[in-house]
Protein backbone atom coordinates (compact mmCIF):
# COMPACT_ATOMS: atom_id res chain seq x y z
CA MET A 1 36.32 186.88 -127.77
CA ILE A 2 35.71 185.87 -123.92
CA LYS A 3 35.55 181.86 -123.00
CA LEU A 4 33.73 180.73 -120.00
CA GLN A 5 36.83 179.71 -119.11
CA ASN A 6 37.62 182.91 -118.40
CA VAL A 7 34.82 184.14 -116.84
CA ILE A 8 34.36 181.12 -114.58
CA GLU A 9 38.50 182.06 -113.80
CA ILE A 10 37.71 185.19 -112.78
CA ILE A 11 34.72 184.40 -110.30
CA GLU A 12 36.51 181.84 -109.27
CA SER A 13 39.09 183.67 -107.76
CA PHE A 14 37.10 185.50 -105.28
CA ALA A 15 34.46 182.25 -104.39
CA PRO A 16 36.71 179.99 -104.94
CA LEU A 17 34.98 176.40 -104.89
CA ALA A 18 36.87 174.41 -102.21
CA PHE A 19 34.66 177.12 -99.95
CA GLN A 20 31.64 175.16 -100.98
CA GLU A 21 29.88 173.48 -98.60
CA LYS A 22 29.68 169.31 -98.43
CA TYR A 23 26.34 169.37 -99.49
CA ASP A 24 26.01 172.21 -101.94
CA ASN A 25 26.98 171.71 -106.68
CA SER A 26 28.42 175.29 -107.16
CA GLY A 27 29.84 176.26 -110.05
CA LEU A 28 29.45 175.26 -114.00
CA LEU A 29 26.40 173.06 -114.69
CA VAL A 30 25.76 173.20 -117.79
CA GLY A 31 28.29 174.64 -120.31
CA ASN A 32 31.73 173.96 -122.58
CA LYS A 33 34.13 176.00 -120.80
CA GLN A 34 36.07 176.54 -124.05
CA GLN A 35 32.39 178.19 -125.18
CA GLU A 36 32.53 181.66 -126.20
CA ILE A 37 30.97 184.70 -124.45
CA THR A 38 28.49 186.50 -125.98
CA GLY A 39 27.23 188.13 -122.99
CA ILE A 40 26.57 187.41 -118.89
CA LEU A 41 22.85 187.79 -117.34
CA ILE A 42 23.09 187.29 -113.53
CA CYS A 43 19.71 186.46 -111.78
CA ILE A 44 19.62 185.05 -107.53
CA ASP A 45 16.82 181.66 -109.42
CA VAL A 46 17.48 180.33 -112.69
CA THR A 47 13.82 180.46 -113.97
CA LEU A 48 12.76 180.07 -117.14
CA PRO A 49 11.50 183.99 -117.37
CA VAL A 50 14.96 184.22 -116.51
CA ILE A 51 16.44 182.34 -119.72
CA GLU A 52 13.90 184.40 -121.88
CA GLU A 53 15.31 187.48 -120.95
CA ALA A 54 18.95 186.10 -121.40
CA ILE A 55 18.13 184.70 -125.26
CA GLU A 56 16.78 187.84 -125.60
CA GLN A 57 19.89 190.08 -124.55
CA ASN A 58 22.20 187.22 -126.89
CA CYS A 59 23.57 186.08 -122.96
CA ASN A 60 24.96 183.34 -123.74
CA LEU A 61 25.78 182.40 -119.76
CA ILE A 62 23.82 183.48 -116.68
CA VAL A 63 25.21 183.57 -113.84
CA SER A 64 22.88 182.95 -110.22
CA HIS A 65 23.77 182.30 -107.11
CA HIS A 66 21.08 179.26 -105.67
CA PRO A 67 22.62 176.25 -108.86
CA ILE A 68 18.55 174.97 -110.24
CA ILE A 69 20.80 171.19 -110.10
CA PHE A 70 21.10 170.95 -106.46
CA THR A 71 19.91 167.33 -106.40
CA GLY A 72 20.91 164.59 -108.32
CA LEU A 73 19.20 165.26 -112.05
CA LYS A 74 18.01 161.49 -113.55
CA LYS A 75 16.04 162.55 -116.31
CA LEU A 76 15.51 166.01 -118.67
CA ILE A 77 12.41 165.37 -120.14
CA GLY A 78 10.16 168.90 -119.22
CA GLN A 79 7.96 167.17 -116.26
CA THR A 80 9.34 169.93 -113.95
CA GLU A 81 10.75 173.04 -113.23
CA VAL A 82 14.35 172.41 -113.99
CA GLU A 83 14.20 170.05 -116.21
CA ARG A 84 12.44 172.09 -118.36
CA CYS A 85 14.71 174.70 -117.97
CA VAL A 86 17.95 173.07 -118.09
CA ALA A 87 16.43 171.49 -121.25
CA LYS A 88 15.51 175.32 -122.37
CA ALA A 89 19.89 176.07 -121.76
CA ILE A 90 21.01 173.74 -124.03
CA LYS A 91 18.79 173.99 -126.86
CA ASN A 92 19.45 178.21 -126.81
CA ASP A 93 23.58 176.90 -125.77
CA ILE A 94 22.89 179.27 -123.45
CA ALA A 95 25.72 177.94 -120.12
CA LEU A 96 24.55 177.75 -116.35
CA TYR A 97 27.15 178.33 -113.52
CA ALA A 98 26.21 179.16 -110.60
CA ALA A 99 28.38 180.90 -107.02
CA HIS A 100 26.29 179.48 -103.78
CA THR A 101 28.11 178.29 -100.12
CA ASN A 102 31.27 179.59 -102.54
CA LEU A 103 30.29 182.78 -102.22
CA ASP A 104 28.50 182.31 -98.50
CA ASN A 105 31.45 181.42 -97.28
CA ALA A 106 34.34 183.95 -99.58
CA ASN A 107 35.30 186.73 -97.86
CA ASP A 108 33.76 189.81 -98.73
CA GLY A 109 30.95 187.20 -99.55
CA VAL A 110 26.89 187.56 -99.43
CA SER A 111 26.55 187.50 -95.24
CA PHE A 112 29.64 190.63 -95.45
CA ARG A 113 27.15 192.56 -97.87
CA MET A 114 24.29 192.09 -95.70
CA ALA A 115 26.28 193.90 -92.94
CA GLN A 116 27.19 196.82 -95.64
CA LYS A 117 23.98 197.86 -96.12
CA ILE A 118 23.53 198.31 -92.26
CA GLY A 119 26.55 200.15 -92.20
CA LEU A 120 29.03 197.44 -89.82
CA GLN A 121 31.62 198.27 -88.55
CA ASN A 122 35.04 196.16 -87.20
CA THR A 123 33.37 193.44 -88.76
CA LEU A 124 34.38 189.75 -88.64
CA VAL A 125 33.75 186.14 -89.56
CA LEU A 126 30.83 184.98 -87.46
CA VAL A 127 31.70 180.93 -87.89
CA PRO A 128 35.03 180.97 -90.13
CA LYS A 129 35.75 178.00 -91.36
CA THR A 130 38.90 175.25 -90.40
CA ASP A 131 39.88 172.67 -92.24
CA LEU A 132 40.79 174.83 -95.59
CA LEU A 133 44.93 175.75 -94.97
CA SER A 134 48.11 174.16 -95.70
CA LYS A 135 51.31 174.63 -94.57
CA LEU A 136 54.64 174.05 -96.36
CA VAL A 137 57.99 172.67 -95.16
CA THR A 138 60.67 172.89 -97.59
CA PHE A 139 64.44 173.35 -97.46
CA VAL A 140 66.67 175.76 -99.59
CA PRO A 141 69.87 176.78 -99.46
CA ILE A 142 70.74 179.96 -98.25
CA ASN A 143 71.51 182.08 -101.72
CA CYS A 144 68.25 181.03 -103.32
CA ILE A 145 65.99 181.51 -99.99
CA ASP A 146 64.03 184.76 -101.48
CA LYS A 147 63.81 183.60 -105.16
CA VAL A 148 62.60 180.03 -103.56
CA GLN A 149 59.89 181.76 -101.53
CA ASN A 150 58.69 184.70 -103.89
CA ALA A 151 57.44 181.99 -106.22
CA MET A 152 55.64 180.18 -103.38
CA PHE A 153 53.80 183.95 -103.07
CA LYS A 154 53.27 184.64 -106.01
CA ALA A 155 51.01 181.49 -106.64
CA GLY A 156 49.55 182.27 -103.52
CA ALA A 157 50.83 181.08 -100.72
CA GLY A 158 52.38 183.42 -97.60
CA ASN A 159 48.34 185.04 -97.28
CA ILE A 160 46.81 185.82 -93.92
CA GLY A 161 44.59 187.44 -93.09
CA ASN A 162 44.96 190.82 -94.52
CA TYR A 163 48.92 190.61 -94.50
CA ASP A 164 50.62 188.50 -97.60
CA CYS A 165 53.93 187.25 -98.30
CA CYS A 166 54.50 185.40 -94.54
CA SER A 167 57.28 183.19 -93.82
CA PHE A 168 58.83 181.54 -91.44
CA SER A 169 62.89 180.60 -92.15
CA HIS A 170 66.01 180.10 -89.52
CA ILE A 171 69.13 178.45 -90.50
CA GLY A 172 70.39 173.99 -90.06
CA LYS A 173 72.70 171.81 -91.98
CA GLY A 174 71.05 168.94 -94.31
CA THR A 175 73.18 166.40 -95.63
CA PHE A 176 73.18 163.93 -98.71
CA ARG A 177 74.86 162.25 -101.16
CA ALA A 178 74.83 161.84 -104.83
CA SER A 179 75.24 158.62 -106.39
CA ASP A 180 76.55 158.45 -110.83
CA LYS A 181 72.80 159.16 -111.35
CA CYS A 182 72.93 162.76 -110.08
CA HIS A 183 73.34 166.01 -112.04
CA PRO A 184 74.11 167.94 -107.85
CA PHE A 185 73.28 171.78 -107.44
CA CYS A 186 76.27 172.06 -105.06
CA GLY A 187 78.75 168.63 -103.43
CA ASN A 188 80.24 165.88 -105.37
CA ILE A 189 78.96 162.68 -107.09
CA GLY A 190 80.32 160.04 -104.04
CA GLU A 191 81.16 162.57 -101.11
CA LEU A 192 78.86 163.13 -98.02
CA HIS A 193 77.91 166.88 -98.60
CA THR A 194 76.65 169.32 -95.79
CA GLU A 195 75.43 172.44 -96.84
CA ASP A 196 74.02 175.56 -94.64
CA GLU A 197 70.34 175.82 -95.44
CA MET A 198 67.04 177.89 -94.61
CA ARG A 199 63.68 175.50 -93.05
CA LEU A 200 61.02 178.01 -95.13
CA GLU A 201 57.88 177.25 -94.32
CA VAL A 202 54.48 179.13 -95.84
CA ILE A 203 50.87 178.49 -94.99
CA PHE A 204 48.89 178.36 -97.97
CA PRO A 205 44.20 177.28 -99.03
CA LYS A 206 44.80 173.98 -99.64
CA TYR A 207 43.17 174.18 -102.80
CA LEU A 208 46.21 175.78 -103.52
CA THR A 209 48.07 173.45 -103.13
CA SER A 210 48.95 171.65 -106.80
CA LYS A 211 49.65 175.33 -107.87
CA ILE A 212 52.18 175.40 -105.52
CA VAL A 213 54.51 172.51 -105.54
CA LYS A 214 54.65 173.01 -109.00
CA GLU A 215 56.30 176.40 -108.55
CA LEU A 216 58.43 175.10 -106.02
CA LEU A 217 59.86 172.70 -108.03
CA GLU A 218 59.96 174.51 -110.75
CA VAL A 219 62.32 177.17 -109.09
CA HIS A 220 64.41 174.89 -105.80
CA PRO A 221 67.75 174.21 -107.56
CA TYR A 222 68.05 170.67 -105.95
CA GLU A 223 67.00 167.79 -108.50
CA GLU A 224 64.57 166.73 -105.46
CA PRO A 225 64.05 169.31 -102.99
CA ALA A 226 62.85 167.62 -99.83
CA PHE A 227 59.57 168.71 -98.56
CA ASP A 228 56.27 168.47 -96.28
CA ILE A 229 53.24 169.68 -96.34
CA ILE A 230 50.53 169.97 -93.10
CA PRO A 231 46.91 170.22 -92.96
CA LEU A 232 46.39 172.46 -90.37
CA GLU A 233 43.02 172.34 -88.18
CA ASN A 234 43.71 176.47 -87.96
CA LYS A 235 40.34 177.86 -88.32
CA TRP A 236 40.48 180.44 -91.62
CA ALA A 237 39.16 183.96 -90.04
CA GLN A 238 38.37 185.67 -93.08
CA VAL A 239 36.26 182.58 -94.25
CA GLY A 240 33.74 181.44 -93.18
CA SER A 241 29.46 181.35 -92.54
CA GLY A 242 27.41 184.70 -91.32
CA ILE A 243 29.04 188.12 -89.71
CA VAL A 244 28.93 189.96 -86.41
CA GLY A 245 30.05 193.87 -86.47
CA ASN A 246 28.74 196.91 -84.59
CA LEU A 247 26.38 199.74 -85.44
CA HIS A 248 28.03 202.50 -85.58
CA SER A 249 25.74 203.70 -82.58
CA PRO A 250 23.30 202.10 -80.75
CA MET A 251 19.56 201.77 -81.96
CA ASN A 252 16.55 201.35 -79.97
CA GLU A 253 14.59 197.40 -80.90
CA SER A 254 12.11 199.55 -83.33
CA ASP A 255 14.33 201.76 -84.94
CA PHE A 256 16.61 199.20 -86.14
CA LEU A 257 13.56 196.71 -87.64
CA ALA A 258 12.46 199.72 -89.44
CA LEU A 259 16.37 199.93 -90.35
CA LEU A 260 16.43 196.48 -91.45
CA LYS A 261 12.80 196.82 -93.26
CA GLU A 262 14.50 199.70 -95.42
CA LYS A 263 17.69 197.98 -96.65
CA PHE A 264 16.04 194.61 -97.69
CA GLN A 265 13.23 196.24 -99.07
CA VAL A 266 10.46 193.61 -96.39
CA SER A 267 7.44 194.92 -95.82
CA SER A 268 7.34 192.29 -92.49
CA ILE A 269 9.90 190.83 -90.28
CA LYS A 270 9.27 187.60 -88.39
CA HIS A 271 11.08 188.18 -85.04
CA SER A 272 11.53 186.49 -81.12
CA LYS A 273 10.41 188.78 -78.65
CA LEU A 274 11.71 192.01 -78.26
CA LEU A 275 13.95 192.99 -75.22
CA ASN A 276 13.72 196.01 -74.61
CA ARG A 277 17.08 196.88 -74.76
CA PRO A 278 19.63 198.57 -77.49
CA ILE A 279 21.01 197.77 -79.49
CA PHE A 280 24.70 197.61 -81.15
CA LYS A 281 26.25 194.25 -81.56
CA VAL A 282 24.60 192.19 -85.07
CA ALA A 283 25.05 188.89 -86.32
CA VAL A 284 23.93 188.74 -89.96
CA CYS A 285 23.55 185.29 -92.38
CA GLY A 286 22.32 185.21 -95.63
CA GLY A 287 20.04 182.47 -96.62
CA SER A 288 18.70 179.80 -94.04
CA GLY A 289 20.91 180.76 -91.21
CA GLY A 290 19.45 178.68 -88.12
CA ASP A 291 22.32 176.88 -87.59
CA PHE A 292 24.17 179.95 -86.12
CA ILE A 293 21.59 181.08 -83.27
CA SER A 294 24.14 179.41 -81.23
CA ASN A 295 26.68 181.44 -82.69
CA ALA A 296 25.57 184.62 -82.28
CA LYS A 297 25.13 184.00 -78.67
CA TYR A 298 28.29 183.20 -78.29
CA ALA A 299 29.94 185.76 -80.09
CA ASP A 300 27.55 188.21 -77.71
CA ALA A 301 25.16 189.88 -80.24
CA ASP A 302 22.35 191.60 -79.76
CA ILE A 303 20.06 190.36 -82.83
CA PHE A 304 20.55 187.42 -85.38
CA VAL A 305 19.20 188.39 -88.73
CA THR A 306 18.90 185.72 -90.76
CA ALA A 307 16.56 183.69 -92.81
CA ASP A 308 14.36 180.53 -93.49
CA ILE A 309 14.67 180.48 -89.20
CA THR A 310 11.96 178.46 -88.08
CA TYR A 311 8.34 177.59 -85.73
CA HIS A 312 10.53 176.04 -82.98
CA ARG A 313 14.35 177.53 -83.88
CA PHE A 314 12.59 180.97 -82.06
CA SER A 315 12.83 179.75 -78.82
CA GLU A 316 16.39 179.13 -78.74
CA ALA A 317 16.93 182.96 -78.58
CA GLU A 318 16.50 182.72 -74.65
CA ASN A 319 15.69 185.61 -73.82
CA SER A 320 19.25 186.85 -74.27
CA ILE A 321 18.69 187.45 -77.87
CA ILE A 322 16.74 189.01 -80.70
CA ILE A 323 16.57 186.47 -83.93
CA ALA A 324 15.43 187.62 -87.16
CA ASP A 325 13.84 186.53 -90.08
CA ILE A 326 13.60 188.86 -93.02
CA GLY A 327 13.45 186.14 -95.60
CA HIS A 328 15.39 183.52 -97.57
CA PHE A 329 15.97 186.29 -101.16
CA GLU A 330 16.04 189.13 -99.37
CA SER A 331 18.54 188.34 -97.82
CA GLU A 332 20.59 186.92 -100.39
CA GLN A 333 19.70 189.76 -103.21
CA TYR A 334 22.06 191.86 -102.97
CA THR A 335 24.45 188.70 -103.92
CA LYS A 336 23.99 190.12 -108.10
CA GLU A 337 26.01 193.33 -107.12
CA ILE A 338 28.90 191.35 -105.67
CA ILE A 339 29.09 189.51 -109.22
CA LEU A 340 28.34 192.48 -111.24
CA GLU A 341 31.68 194.59 -109.63
CA GLN A 342 33.39 191.09 -109.54
CA LEU A 343 33.54 190.59 -113.37
CA ILE A 344 33.66 193.97 -114.11
CA LYS A 345 37.50 194.81 -112.43
CA LYS A 346 37.92 192.52 -114.59
CA ILE A 347 36.37 192.66 -117.83
CA PRO A 348 35.11 195.92 -117.61
CA ASN A 349 33.89 196.44 -121.53
CA PHE A 350 31.54 193.47 -121.77
CA ALA A 351 27.87 192.59 -121.68
CA ILE A 352 27.03 192.06 -117.99
CA ARG A 353 23.43 192.66 -116.97
CA LEU A 354 21.66 192.26 -114.10
CA SER A 355 18.18 189.79 -114.26
CA ALA A 356 15.12 191.14 -114.07
CA HIS A 357 13.41 188.55 -113.25
CA ASP A 358 14.69 187.64 -110.23
CA GLY A 359 13.65 184.83 -107.45
CA HIS A 360 10.91 182.21 -107.30
CA SER A 361 7.33 183.86 -107.01
CA VAL A 362 6.45 183.94 -103.03
CA PHE A 363 3.74 186.27 -102.39
CA TYR A 364 2.53 187.34 -99.00
CA SER A 365 -1.20 189.27 -98.16
């Protein structure tokens, strides 16, 4: 049987919790990690119909995009929809897990799927995240360099963009003197020793620090390896909010808006003034992307496709870009596909379903 912990590890391998925004509440919300999973139901929002569906389909894990517990939940007395959903999940031993802004920010995440549906090429992250990377520097005897760096590569260090096994090293001399309490790899107790060493540097995501240091300490030949961990301010180009890319060929504005309606199954789109010029470079952001209007303009996008744009924010277009609001659920509806595809890769012969009941009930007429 598959345990909840196994499923969590799969999800967080492509959408680490370290990627979520500070205000968010992604991760396991209800359940025990040692719980055995009978089936998985994937949805955008956890609602009572979704929980009923999970019960009917014998799915005791619901993976949603939006966390049903977002702000503090101080009572569980059934007065609100959230309280009723959480209580019903607990009563029926259904675990609740949310992959929200960590999946928004992940490489090949929510906005990337939007870009894929539109057919964008040469895509880049619109707003790359910072403060997620560190550099580890250590000093290794020359004949041990391969063993040490390969262990750190295996633990997740040395990945830069689409390259892996990235490192830098150069030769130097290290000195030390071992006391009578030591068991030195080289040199004699009580004597100052000079050893030809390699300075080895690798970049890695901060959330992997413990794992990488553990590997370093296990394979390094010295009893007391010297190493430094240096926080980096570099932008992580593959992780962050939104995507910007190019269409295969320019389209006129009305044709592009018609394409959006078709791909995201919407009957109408709220947008700023049309500019009567071709659309070629497109920026997208799943969910509430109003804070990234300036980034889309800076990227020289012809149009910014997102959701939850308030009345006054449309004025920020300033006749230099079109801002198009296709709706929050509509922009994130394909999130379920991402989660499903990733889970099927690792657990192909397992009961995984997409919910037939999705989103909160909002009607337009």
